[in-house]
C-alpha atoms as a PDB file:
ATOM      1  CA  MET A   1     -19.286 -19.680  24.398  1.00  0.00           C
ATOM      2  CA  ARG A   2     -16.564 -22.064  23.187  1.00  0.00           C
ATOM      3  CA  ARG A   3     -18.567 -22.881  20.061  1.00  0.00           C
ATOM      4  CA  LEU A   4     -19.017 -19.162  19.310  1.00  0.00           C
ATOM      5  CA  LEU A   5     -15.277 -18.581  19.704  1.00  0.00           C
ATOM      6  CA  GLN A   6     -14.536 -21.447  17.280  1.00  0.00           C
ATOM      7  CA  LEU A   7     -16.951 -19.984  14.740  1.00  0.00           C
ATOM      8  CA  VAL A   8     -15.436 -16.495  14.959  1.00  0.00           C
ATOM      9  CA  LEU A   9     -11.938 -17.916  14.678  1.00  0.00           C
ATOM     10  CA  ALA A  10     -12.916 -19.986  11.632  1.00  0.00           C
ATOM     11  CA  LEU A  11     -14.416 -16.914   9.932  1.00  0.00           C
ATOM     12  CA  VAL A  12     -11.299 -14.869  10.608  1.00  0.00           C
ATOM     13  CA  ILE A  13      -9.066 -17.582   9.149  1.00  0.00           C
ATOM     14  CA  LEU A  14     -11.235 -18.266   6.083  1.00  0.00           C
ATOM     15  CA  THR A  15     -11.989 -14.634   5.197  1.00  0.00           C
ATOM     16  CA  PRO A  16      -8.636 -13.967   3.425  1.00  0.00           C
ATOM     17  CA  LEU A  17      -9.155 -17.104   1.317  1.00  0.00           C
ATOM     18  CA  ASN A  18     -12.531 -15.841   0.177  1.00  0.00           C
ATOM     19  CA  LEU A  19     -11.091 -12.434  -0.693  1.00  0.00           C
ATOM     20  CA  SER A  20      -8.644 -14.019  -3.115  1.00  0.00           C
ATOM     21  CA  TYR A  21     -11.623 -15.048  -5.271  1.00  0.00           C
ATOM     22  CA  ALA A  22     -13.385 -11.693  -5.072  1.00  0.00           C
ATOM     23  CA  ASN A  23     -11.931 -10.312  -8.312  1.00  0.00           C
ATOM     24  CA  ASP A  24     -12.132 -13.554 -10.283  1.00  0.00           C
ATOM     25  CA  SER A  25     -15.440 -13.954 -12.077  1.00  0.00           C
ATOM     26  CA  SER A  26     -14.643 -17.255 -13.796  1.00  0.00           C
ATOM     27  CA  ALA A  27     -16.889 -20.248 -13.293  1.00  0.00           C
ATOM     28  CA  THR A  28     -13.978 -22.326 -12.019  1.00  0.00           C
ATOM     29  CA  ALA A  29     -13.242 -19.835  -9.266  1.00  0.00           C
ATOM     30  CA  LYS A  30     -16.883 -19.804  -8.196  1.00  0.00           C
ATOM     31  CA  GLU A  31     -17.007 -23.604  -8.159  1.00  0.00           C
ATOM     32  CA  ASN A  32     -13.831 -23.817  -6.111  1.00  0.00           C
ATOM     33  CA  LEU A  33     -15.096 -21.147  -3.744  1.00  0.00           C
ATOM     34  CA  SER A  34     -18.327 -23.015  -3.180  1.00  0.00           C
ATOM     35  CA  LYS A  35     -16.393 -26.223  -2.521  1.00  0.00           C
ATOM     36  CA  GLY A  36     -14.097 -24.434  -0.083  1.00  0.00           C
ATOM     37  CA  ASP A  37     -10.994 -25.223  -2.149  1.00  0.00           C
ATOM     38  CA  SER A  38      -8.234 -22.873  -1.033  1.00  0.00           C
ATOM     39  CA  SER A  39      -5.743 -24.123  -3.623  1.00  0.00           C
ATOM     40  CA  TYR A  40      -7.318 -22.290  -6.576  1.00  0.00           C
ATOM     41  CA  LYS A  41      -4.805 -20.930  -9.058  1.00  0.00           C
ATOM     42  CA  PRO A  42      -5.738 -19.218 -12.310  1.00  0.00           C
ATOM     43  CA  ARG A  43      -4.911 -21.172 -15.454  1.00  0.00           C
ATOM     44  CA  THR A  44      -2.002 -19.924 -17.499  1.00  0.00           C
ATOM     45  CA  VAL A  45      -1.846 -20.188 -21.264  1.00  0.00           C
ATOM     46  CA  GLU A  46       1.203 -22.164 -22.326  1.00  0.00           C
ATOM     47  CA  PRO A  47       2.791 -21.531 -25.715  1.00  0.00           C
ATOM     48  CA  ASP A  48       2.402 -24.114 -28.441  1.00  0.00           C
ATOM     49  CA  PHE A  49       6.005 -25.339 -28.738  1.00  0.00           C
ATOM     50  CA  GLU A  50       5.388 -27.293 -31.939  1.00  0.00           C
ATOM     51  CA  LYS A  51       3.959 -24.268 -33.721  1.00  0.00           C
ATOM     52  CA  VAL A  52       6.826 -22.022 -32.579  1.00  0.00           C
ATOM     53  CA  ALA A  53       9.404 -24.644 -33.610  1.00  0.00           C
ATOM     54  CA  LYS A  54       7.823 -24.987 -37.079  1.00  0.00           C
ATOM     55  CA  GLU A  55       7.916 -21.218 -37.600  1.00  0.00           C
ATOM     56  CA  THR A  56      11.559 -21.157 -36.501  1.00  0.00           C
ATOM     57  CA  ALA A  57      12.375 -24.053 -38.856  1.00  0.00           C
ATOM     58  CA  LYS A  58      10.899 -22.073 -41.775  1.00  0.00           C
ATOM     59  CA  VAL A  59      13.387 -19.301 -41.056  1.00  0.00           C
ATOM     60  CA  GLY A  60      16.178 -21.880 -40.846  1.00  0.00           C
ATOM     61  CA  LYS A  61      15.247 -23.385 -44.212  1.00  0.00           C
ATOM     62  CA  TYR A  62      15.239 -19.938 -45.804  1.00  0.00           C
ATOM     63  CA  ILE A  63      18.767 -19.086 -44.613  1.00  0.00           C
ATOM     64  CA  LEU A  64      20.243 -22.474 -45.502  1.00  0.00           C
ATOM     65  CA  LEU A  65      23.249 -22.061 -47.875  1.00  0.00           C
ATOM     66  CA  LYS A  66      23.128 -18.271 -47.481  1.00  0.00           C
ATOM     67  CA  ASN A  67      25.974 -15.996 -46.395  1.00  0.00           C
ATOM     68  CA  GLU A  68      26.504 -15.902 -42.602  1.00  0.00           C
ATOM     69  CA  LYS A  69      26.056 -12.123 -42.285  1.00  0.00           C
ATOM     70  CA  PHE A  70      22.844 -12.168 -44.311  1.00  0.00           C
ATOM     71  CA  ALA A  71      21.542 -15.131 -42.318  1.00  0.00           C
ATOM     72  CA  ILE A  72      22.198 -13.459 -38.959  1.00  0.00           C
ATOM     73  CA  ALA A  73      20.609 -10.203 -40.109  1.00  0.00           C
ATOM     74  CA  TYR A  74      17.537 -12.111 -41.326  1.00  0.00           C
ATOM     75  CA  ILE A  75      17.230 -14.109 -38.089  1.00  0.00           C
ATOM     76  CA  GLU A  76      17.480 -10.930 -36.014  1.00  0.00           C
ATOM     77  CA  SER A  77      14.842  -9.214 -38.174  1.00  0.00           C
ATOM     78  CA  LYS A  78      12.462 -12.081 -37.310  1.00  0.00           C
ATOM     79  CA  LYS A  79      13.294 -11.655 -33.587  1.00  0.00           C
ATOM     80  CA  ILE A  80      14.538 -15.219 -33.249  1.00  0.00           C
ATOM     81  CA  ALA A  81      17.436 -16.163 -30.991  1.00  0.00           C
ATOM     82  CA  PHE A  82      20.432 -17.867 -32.574  1.00  0.00           C
ATOM     83  CA  ARG A  83      23.856 -19.205 -31.749  1.00  0.00           C
ATOM     84  CA  ILE A  84      26.764 -20.614 -33.679  1.00  0.00           C
ATOM     85  CA  ALA A  85      26.941 -24.348 -32.954  1.00  0.00           C
ATOM     86  CA  SER A  86      29.945 -25.031 -35.181  1.00  0.00           C
ATOM     87  CA  ARG A  87      32.272 -23.133 -37.483  1.00  0.00           C
ATOM     88  CA  ASP A  88      34.421 -24.870 -40.102  1.00  0.00           C
ATOM     89  CA  GLY A  89      34.132 -28.239 -38.392  1.00  0.00           C
ATOM     90  CA  LYS A  90      34.903 -26.964 -34.876  1.00  0.00           C
ATOM     91  CA  ASN A  91      31.987 -27.579 -32.483  1.00  0.00           C
ATOM     92  CA  PHE A  92      31.336 -25.086 -29.699  1.00  0.00           C
ATOM     93  CA  PRO A  93      30.030 -25.998 -26.231  1.00  0.00           C
ATOM     94  CA  LEU A  94      26.290 -25.457 -25.990  1.00  0.00           C
ATOM     95  CA  THR A  95      23.694 -25.756 -23.262  1.00  0.00           C
ATOM     96  CA  MET A  96      21.236 -28.638 -23.537  1.00  0.00           C
ATOM     97  CA  ASP A  97      18.074 -26.609 -22.916  1.00  0.00           C
ATOM     98  CA  TYR A  98      15.334 -26.703 -25.533  1.00  0.00           C
ATOM     99  CA  ARG A  99      14.076 -23.399 -26.864  1.00  0.00           C
ATOM    100  CA  PRO A 100      11.781 -23.670 -29.860  1.00  0.00           C
ATOM    101  CA  ASN A 101      12.480 -20.062 -30.824  1.00  0.00           C
ATOM    102  CA  ARG A 102      16.261 -20.518 -31.222  1.00  0.00           C
ATOM    103  CA  ILE A 103      18.329 -21.617 -34.208  1.00  0.00           C
ATOM    104  CA  ASN A 104      21.715 -23.324 -33.839  1.00  0.00           C
ATOM    105  CA  LEU A 105      23.800 -22.534 -36.917  1.00  0.00           C
ATOM    106  CA  ASN A 106      26.513 -24.663 -38.508  1.00  0.00           C
ATOM    107  CA  ILE A 107      28.825 -22.390 -40.512  1.00  0.00           C
ATOM    108  CA  VAL A 108      31.304 -23.659 -43.136  1.00  0.00           C
ATOM    109  CA  LYS A 109      33.451 -21.168 -45.068  1.00  0.00           C
ATOM    110  CA  GLY A 110      31.144 -18.270 -44.229  1.00  0.00           C
ATOM    111  CA  LYS A 111      27.915 -19.990 -45.323  1.00  0.00           C
ATOM    112  CA  VAL A 112      25.136 -21.651 -43.335  1.00  0.00           C
ATOM    113  CA  LYS A 113      25.493 -25.365 -44.101  1.00  0.00           C
ATOM    114  CA  GLY A 114      23.096 -26.653 -41.455  1.00  0.00           C
ATOM    115  CA  PHE A 115      20.875 -25.668 -38.557  1.00  0.00           C
ATOM    116  CA  ASN A 116      18.950 -27.127 -35.639  1.00  0.00           C
ATOM    117  CA  VAL A 117      15.931 -25.669 -33.905  1.00  0.00           C
ATOM    118  CA  GLY A 118      16.203 -25.619 -30.161  1.00  0.00           C
END
C-alpha cells in the first residue's frame, strides 16, 4: 500500500513537468523529457552584436562631417538610437552600457566631427 501511495504521489508531482513539453516538438525537448530533465528551457536566438555594430558604423561614417540636423534626421530614418556625447568641446555625462545600435555623436560648430558606436 505504501509503495502504491509513493507511485501515485510521484506521478502527481511529475505530471506538470511532462505537460510543459507537450507543445514542444523539438528533438531537444524529447531528449530531455526521456532523460527526466525538468530544467528544459527553449533556446533563444541572440542578436549578432558585431553585425549590428558594423551596420551602425556604416551610418556613422556616412554622417561624418555632415550638418547636425541632417545627421540626426538620417540616423532617425534608419531607426538607430543616438545621443550627443560632446558639443563644442564640452563632454556630457553618458551611461557606460554598450548598445551596438546606438551612435554617440561629437558635434563641433554644428557639424558631426566624430562618433562612437555603443
